[in-house]
PDB file of all heavy atoms in Angstrom:
ATOM      1  N   ILE A   1       0.857  -1.188   0.000  1.00  0.00           N
ATOM      2  CA  ILE A   1       0.000   0.000   0.000  1.00  0.00           C
ATOM      3  C   ILE A   1       0.897   1.243   0.000  1.00  0.00           C
ATOM      4  O   ILE A   1       1.626   1.493   0.965  1.00  0.00           O
ATOM      5  CB  ILE A   1      -0.924   0.013   1.226  1.00  0.00           C
ATOM      6  CG1 ILE A   1      -1.780  -1.263   1.244  1.00  0.00           C
ATOM      7  CG2 ILE A   1      -1.816   1.248   1.217  1.00  0.00           C
ATOM      8  CD1 ILE A   1      -2.632  -1.411   2.479  1.00  0.00           C
ATOM      9  N   PRO A   2       0.878   2.039  -1.066  1.00  0.00           N
ATOM     10  CA  PRO A   2       1.798   3.184  -1.156  1.00  0.00           C
ATOM     11  C   PRO A   2       1.704   4.148   0.017  1.00  0.00           C
ATOM     12  O   PRO A   2       2.732   4.642   0.491  1.00  0.00           O
ATOM     13  CB  PRO A   2       1.378   3.853  -2.477  1.00  0.00           C
ATOM     14  CG  PRO A   2       0.766   2.756  -3.281  1.00  0.00           C
ATOM     15  CD  PRO A   2       0.069   1.873  -2.290  1.00  0.00           C
ATOM     16  N   ASP A   3       0.503   4.456   0.482  1.00  0.00           N
ATOM     17  CA  ASP A   3       0.364   5.419   1.572  1.00  0.00           C
ATOM     18  C   ASP A   3       1.021   4.925   2.854  1.00  0.00           C
ATOM     19  O   ASP A   3       1.525   5.732   3.658  1.00  0.00           O
ATOM     20  CB  ASP A   3      -1.110   5.739   1.830  1.00  0.00           C
ATOM     21  CG  ASP A   3      -1.656   6.758   0.836  1.00  0.00           C
ATOM     22  OD1 ASP A   3      -0.855   7.287   0.042  1.00  0.00           O
ATOM     23  OD2 ASP A   3      -2.869   7.030   0.864  1.00  0.00           O
ATOM     24  N   LEU A   4       1.025   3.613   3.096  1.00  0.00           N
ATOM     25  CA  LEU A   4       1.690   3.080   4.284  1.00  0.00           C
ATOM     26  C   LEU A   4       3.204   3.209   4.155  1.00  0.00           C
ATOM     27  O   LEU A   4       3.889   3.564   5.125  1.00  0.00           O
ATOM     28  CB  LEU A   4       1.297   1.623   4.500  1.00  0.00           C
ATOM     29  CG  LEU A   4      -0.160   1.352   4.882  1.00  0.00           C
ATOM     30  CD1 LEU A   4      -0.385  -0.140   5.091  1.00  0.00           C
ATOM     31  CD2 LEU A   4      -0.539   2.127   6.143  1.00  0.00           C
ATOM     32  N   ARG A   5       3.727   2.939   2.974  1.00  0.00           N
ATOM     33  CA  ARG A   5       5.171   3.116   2.763  1.00  0.00           C
ATOM     34  C   ARG A   5       5.549   4.589   2.936  1.00  0.00           C
ATOM     35  O   ARG A   5       6.580   4.905   3.533  1.00  0.00           O
ATOM     36  CB  ARG A   5       5.586   2.630   1.372  1.00  0.00           C
ATOM     37  CG  ARG A   5       5.408   1.145   1.133  1.00  0.00           C
ATOM     38  CD  ARG A   5       6.224   0.676  -0.076  1.00  0.00           C
ATOM     39  NE  ARG A   5       5.931   1.455  -1.274  1.00  0.00           N
ATOM     40  CZ  ARG A   5       4.973   1.165  -2.141  1.00  0.00           C
ATOM     41  NH1 ARG A   5       4.176   0.114  -1.923  1.00  0.00           N
ATOM     42  NH2 ARG A   5       4.785   1.907  -3.224  1.00  0.00           N
ATOM     43  N   SER A   6       4.715   5.485   2.419  1.00  0.00           N
ATOM     44  CA  SER A   6       5.009   6.916   2.528  1.00  0.00           C
ATOM     45  C   SER A   6       4.991   7.370   3.978  1.00  0.00           C
ATOM     46  O   SER A   6       5.843   8.162   4.400  1.00  0.00           O
ATOM     47  CB  SER A   6       3.993   7.720   1.711  1.00  0.00           C
ATOM     48  OG  SER A   6       4.101   7.432   0.330  1.00  0.00           O
ATOM     49  N   ALA A   7       4.013   6.892   4.746  1.00  0.00           N
ATOM     50  CA  ALA A   7       3.946   7.263   6.164  1.00  0.00           C
ATOM     51  C   ALA A   7       5.170   6.767   6.907  1.00  0.00           C
ATOM     52  O   ALA A   7       5.737   7.472   7.751  1.00  0.00           O
ATOM     53  CB  ALA A   7       2.674   6.700   6.784  1.00  0.00           C
ATOM     54  N   PHE A   8       5.595   5.542   6.602  1.00  0.00           N
ATOM     55  CA  PHE A   8       6.816   5.005   7.202  1.00  0.00           C
ATOM     56  C   PHE A   8       8.006   5.914   6.905  1.00  0.00           C
ATOM     57  O   PHE A   8       8.774   6.284   7.802  1.00  0.00           O
ATOM     58  CB  PHE A   8       7.078   3.598   6.657  1.00  0.00           C
ATOM     59  CG  PHE A   8       8.464   3.085   6.942  1.00  0.00           C
ATOM     60  CD1 PHE A   8       8.745   2.451   8.135  1.00  0.00           C
ATOM     61  CD2 PHE A   8       9.490   3.246   6.008  1.00  0.00           C
ATOM     62  CE1 PHE A   8      10.033   1.982   8.410  1.00  0.00           C
ATOM     63  CE2 PHE A   8      10.771   2.784   6.276  1.00  0.00           C
ATOM     64  CZ  PHE A   8      11.042   2.153   7.474  1.00  0.00           C
ATOM     65  N   GLN A   9       8.167   6.303   5.636  1.00  0.00           N
ATOM     66  CA  GLN A   9       9.297   7.148   5.248  1.00  0.00           C
ATOM     67  C   GLN A   9       9.239   8.507   5.937  1.00  0.00           C
ATOM     68  O   GLN A   9      10.271   9.049   6.355  1.00  0.00           O
ATOM     69  CB  GLN A   9       9.327   7.321   3.727  1.00  0.00           C
ATOM     70  CG  GLN A   9       9.596   6.053   2.933  1.00  0.00           C
ATOM     71  CD  GLN A   9      11.027   5.565   3.085  1.00  0.00           C
ATOM     72  OE1 GLN A   9      11.869   6.212   3.714  1.00  0.00           O
ATOM     73  NE2 GLN A   9      11.306   4.401   2.523  1.00  0.00           N
ATOM     74  N   ALA A  10       8.039   9.071   6.048  1.00  0.00           N
ATOM     75  CA  ALA A  10       7.897  10.393   6.660  1.00  0.00           C
ATOM     76  C   ALA A  10       8.380  10.371   8.102  1.00  0.00           C
ATOM     77  O   ALA A  10       9.170  11.228   8.530  1.00  0.00           O
ATOM     78  CB  ALA A  10       6.449  10.851   6.585  1.00  0.00           C
ATOM     79  N   VAL A  11       7.902   9.389   8.881  1.00  0.00           N
ATOM     80  CA  VAL A  11       8.289   9.340  10.291  1.00  0.00           C
ATOM     81  C   VAL A  11       9.762   8.988  10.428  1.00  0.00           C
ATOM     82  O   VAL A  11      10.481   9.567  11.250  1.00  0.00           O
ATOM     83  CB  VAL A  11       7.415   8.338  11.059  1.00  0.00           C
ATOM     84  CG1 VAL A  11       7.807   8.313  12.538  1.00  0.00           C
ATOM     85  CG2 VAL A  11       5.938   8.694  10.932  1.00  0.00           C
ATOM     86  N   ARG A  12      10.236   8.038   9.632  1.00  0.00           N
ATOM     87  CA  ARG A  12      11.646   7.638   9.720  1.00  0.00           C
ATOM     88  C   ARG A  12      12.575   8.814   9.453  1.00  0.00           C
ATOM     89  O   ARG A  12      13.510   9.085  10.233  1.00  0.00           O
ATOM     90  CB  ARG A  12      11.933   6.518   8.714  1.00  0.00           C
ATOM     91  CG  ARG A  12      13.397   6.050   8.714  1.00  0.00           C
ATOM     92  CD  ARG A  12      13.698   5.129   7.546  1.00  0.00           C
ATOM     93  NE  ARG A  12      13.549   5.805   6.260  1.00  0.00           N
ATOM     94  CZ  ARG A  12      14.484   6.586   5.710  1.00  0.00           C
ATOM     95  NH1 ARG A  12      15.631   6.814   6.345  1.00  0.00           N
ATOM     96  NH2 ARG A  12      14.277   7.157   4.538  1.00  0.00           N
ATOM     97  N   ARG A  13      12.337   9.528   8.357  1.00  0.00           N
ATOM     98  CA  ARG A  13      13.232  10.633   7.996  1.00  0.00           C
ATOM     99  C   ARG A  13      13.180  11.748   9.022  1.00  0.00           C
ATOM    100  O   ARG A  13      14.212  12.280   9.440  1.00  0.00           O
ATOM    101  CB  ARG A  13      12.875  11.188   6.610  1.00  0.00           C
ATOM    102  CG  ARG A  13      13.236  10.247   5.467  1.00  0.00           C
ATOM    103  CD  ARG A  13      13.243  10.961   4.134  1.00  0.00           C
ATOM    104  NE  ARG A  13      11.946  11.487   3.769  1.00  0.00           N
ATOM    105  CZ  ARG A  13      11.666  12.774   3.627  1.00  0.00           C
ATOM    106  NH1 ARG A  13      12.592  13.687   3.845  1.00  0.00           N
ATOM    107  NH2 ARG A  13      10.462  13.162   3.276  1.00  0.00           N
ATOM    108  N   LEU A  14      11.971  12.127   9.424  1.00  0.00           N
ATOM    109  CA  LEU A  14      11.843  13.265  10.327  1.00  0.00           C
ATOM    110  C   LEU A  14      12.328  12.933  11.730  1.00  0.00           C
ATOM    111  O   LEU A  14      12.954  13.761  12.399  1.00  0.00           O
ATOM    112  CB  LEU A  14      10.391  13.745  10.360  1.00  0.00           C
ATOM    113  CG  LEU A  14       9.891  14.394   9.071  1.00  0.00           C
ATOM    114  CD1 LEU A  14       8.405  14.706   9.167  1.00  0.00           C
ATOM    115  CD2 LEU A  14      10.681  15.667   8.763  1.00  0.00           C
ATOM    116  N   ALA A  15      12.041  11.718  12.208  1.00  0.00           N
ATOM    117  CA  ALA A  15      12.471  11.352  13.557  1.00  0.00           C
ATOM    118  C   ALA A  15      13.988  11.331  13.658  1.00  0.00           C
ATOM    119  O   ALA A  15      14.571  11.867  14.618  1.00  0.00           O
ATOM    120  CB  ALA A  15      11.895   9.998  13.943  1.00  0.00           C
ATOM    121  N   THR A  16      14.652  10.731  12.684  1.00  0.00           N
ATOM    122  CA  THR A  16      16.108  10.666  12.750  1.00  0.00           C
ATOM    123  C   THR A  16      16.743  12.034  12.515  1.00  0.00           C
ATOM    124  O   THR A  16      17.727  12.397  13.169  1.00  0.00           O
ATOM    125  CB  THR A  16      16.653   9.649  11.733  1.00  0.00           C
ATOM    126  OG1 THR A  16      16.111   9.935  10.430  1.00  0.00           O
ATOM    127  CG2 THR A  16      16.241   8.233  12.117  1.00  0.00           C
ATOM    128  N   PHE A  17      16.169  12.816  11.600  1.00  0.00           N
ATOM    129  CA  PHE A  17      16.717  14.154  11.359  1.00  0.00           C
ATOM    130  C   PHE A  17      16.647  15.005  12.620  1.00  0.00           C
ATOM    131  O   PHE A  17      17.640  15.613  13.034  1.00  0.00           O
ATOM    132  CB  PHE A  17      15.955  14.852  10.229  1.00  0.00           C
ATOM    133  CG  PHE A  17      16.287  16.317  10.102  1.00  0.00           C
ATOM    134  CD1 PHE A  17      17.492  16.724   9.554  1.00  0.00           C
ATOM    135  CD2 PHE A  17      15.409  17.290  10.547  1.00  0.00           C
ATOM    136  CE1 PHE A  17      17.818  18.072   9.453  1.00  0.00           C
ATOM    137  CE2 PHE A  17      15.715  18.634  10.450  1.00  0.00           C
ATOM    138  CZ  PHE A  17      16.931  19.026   9.899  1.00  0.00           C
ATOM    139  N   HIS A  18      15.480  15.072  13.239  1.00  0.00           N
ATOM    140  CA  HIS A  18      15.339  15.933  14.412  1.00  0.00           C
ATOM    141  C   HIS A  18      16.100  15.386  15.616  1.00  0.00           C
ATOM    142  O   HIS A  18      16.537  16.159  16.475  1.00  0.00           O
ATOM    143  CB  HIS A  18      13.858  16.121  14.748  1.00  0.00           C
ATOM    144  CG  HIS A  18      13.155  17.058  13.812  1.00  0.00           C
ATOM    145  ND1 HIS A  18      13.455  18.395  13.751  1.00  0.00           N
ATOM    146  CD2 HIS A  18      12.171  16.855  12.905  1.00  0.00           C
ATOM    147  CE1 HIS A  18      12.684  18.981  12.843  1.00  0.00           C
ATOM    148  NE2 HIS A  18      11.910  18.063  12.315  1.00  0.00           N
ATOM    149  N   TYR A  19      16.285  14.071  15.685  1.00  0.00           N
ATOM    150  CA  TYR A  19      17.043  13.514  16.803  1.00  0.00           C
ATOM    151  C   TYR A  19      18.480  14.017  16.783  1.00  0.00           C
ATOM    152  O   TYR A  19      19.032  14.416  17.808  1.00  0.00           O
ATOM    153  CB  TYR A  19      17.023  11.983  16.737  1.00  0.00           C
ATOM    154  CG  TYR A  19      17.713  11.319  17.904  1.00  0.00           C
ATOM    155  CD1 TYR A  19      17.045  11.124  19.103  1.00  0.00           C
ATOM    156  CD2 TYR A  19      19.040  10.881  17.800  1.00  0.00           C
ATOM    157  CE1 TYR A  19      17.673  10.514  20.181  1.00  0.00           C
ATOM    158  CE2 TYR A  19      19.676  10.270  18.869  1.00  0.00           C
ATOM    159  CZ  TYR A  19      18.984  10.089  20.060  1.00  0.00           C
ATOM    160  OH  TYR A  19      19.616   9.486  21.124  1.00  0.00           O
ATOM    161  N   TYR A  20      19.091  14.003  15.614  1.00  0.00           N
ATOM    162  CA  TYR A  20      20.498  14.377  15.528  1.00  0.00           C
ATOM    163  C   TYR A  20      20.724  15.872  15.359  1.00  0.00           C
ATOM    164  O   TYR A  20      21.787  16.391  15.706  1.00  0.00           O
ATOM    165  CB  TYR A  20      21.171  13.621  14.378  1.00  0.00           C
ATOM    166  CG  TYR A  20      21.396  12.164  14.691  1.00  0.00           C
ATOM    167  CD1 TYR A  20      20.535  11.192  14.202  1.00  0.00           C
ATOM    168  CD2 TYR A  20      22.459  11.761  15.498  1.00  0.00           C
ATOM    169  CE1 TYR A  20      20.723   9.844  14.507  1.00  0.00           C
ATOM    170  CE2 TYR A  20      22.653  10.429  15.805  1.00  0.00           C
ATOM    171  CZ  TYR A  20      21.789   9.471  15.310  1.00  0.00           C
ATOM    172  OH  TYR A  20      21.971   8.149  15.621  1.00  0.00           O
ATOM    173  N   SER A  21      19.747  16.591  14.828  1.00  0.00           N
ATOM    174  CA  SER A  21      19.963  18.014  14.526  1.00  0.00           C
ATOM    175  C   SER A  21      19.460  18.939  15.623  1.00  0.00           C
ATOM    176  O   SER A  21      19.878  20.092  15.698  1.00  0.00           O
ATOM    177  CB  SER A  21      19.278  18.390  13.211  1.00  0.00           C
ATOM    178  OG  SER A  21      17.870  18.294  13.335  1.00  0.00           O
ATOM    179  N   ALA A  22      18.552  18.448  16.473  1.00  0.00           N
ATOM    180  CA  ALA A  22      17.922  19.333  17.457  1.00  0.00           C
ATOM    181  C   ALA A  22      18.926  19.811  18.494  1.00  0.00           C
ATOM    182  O   ALA A  22      19.743  19.039  18.997  1.00  0.00           O
ATOM    183  CB  ALA A  22      16.764  18.614  18.136  1.00  0.00           C
ATOM    184  N   SER A  23      18.851  21.083  18.817  1.00  0.00           N
ATOM    185  CA  SER A  23      19.676  21.643  19.886  1.00  0.00           C
ATOM    186  C   SER A  23      18.885  21.639  21.179  1.00  0.00           C
ATOM    187  O   SER A  23      17.752  22.119  21.237  1.00  0.00           O
ATOM    188  CB  SER A  23      20.095  23.072  19.539  1.00  0.00           C
ATOM    189  OG  SER A  23      20.731  23.688  20.653  1.00  0.00           O
ATOM    190  N   THR A  24      19.474  21.064  22.215  1.00  0.00           N
ATOM    191  CA  THR A  24      18.816  21.027  23.523  1.00  0.00           C
ATOM    192  C   THR A  24      19.234  22.188  24.413  1.00  0.00           C
ATOM    193  O   THR A  24      18.747  22.312  25.528  1.00  0.00           O
ATOM    194  CB  THR A  24      19.151  19.710  24.234  1.00  0.00           C
ATOM    195  OG1 THR A  24      20.580  19.628  24.412  1.00  0.00           O
ATOM    196  CG2 THR A  24      18.674  18.516  23.425  1.00  0.00           C
ATOM    197  N   GLY A  25      20.131  23.025  23.924  1.00  0.00           N
ATOM    198  CA  GLY A  25      20.610  24.139  24.727  1.00  0.00           C
ATOM    199  C   GLY A  25      21.810  23.792  25.588  1.00  0.00           C
ATOM    200  O   GLY A  25      22.392  24.668  26.224  1.00  0.00           O
ATOM    201  N   ARG A  26      22.181  22.520  25.619  1.00  0.00           N
ATOM    202  CA  ARG A  26      23.346  22.106  26.400  1.00  0.00           C
ATOM    203  C   ARG A  26      24.610  22.328  25.583  1.00  0.00           C
ATOM    204  O   ARG A  26      24.678  21.964  24.404  1.00  0.00           O
ATOM    205  CB  ARG A  26      23.240  20.628  26.779  1.00  0.00           C
ATOM    206  CG  ARG A  26      22.196  20.313  27.805  1.00  0.00           C
ATOM    207  CD  ARG A  26      22.134  18.817  28.091  1.00  0.00           C
ATOM    208  NE  ARG A  26      23.432  18.234  28.415  1.00  0.00           N
ATOM    209  CZ  ARG A  26      23.597  16.963  28.779  1.00  0.00           C
ATOM    210  NH1 ARG A  26      22.544  16.163  28.853  1.00  0.00           N
ATOM    211  NH2 ARG A  26      24.802  16.502  29.061  1.00  0.00           N
TER     212      ARG A  26
END
């Protein structure tokens, strides 16, 4: 199902991007 693959990609890309790029102020 294309929409399920797309949802997987959206969360995967954004979760990993924000995990490594986010500044916590420390």
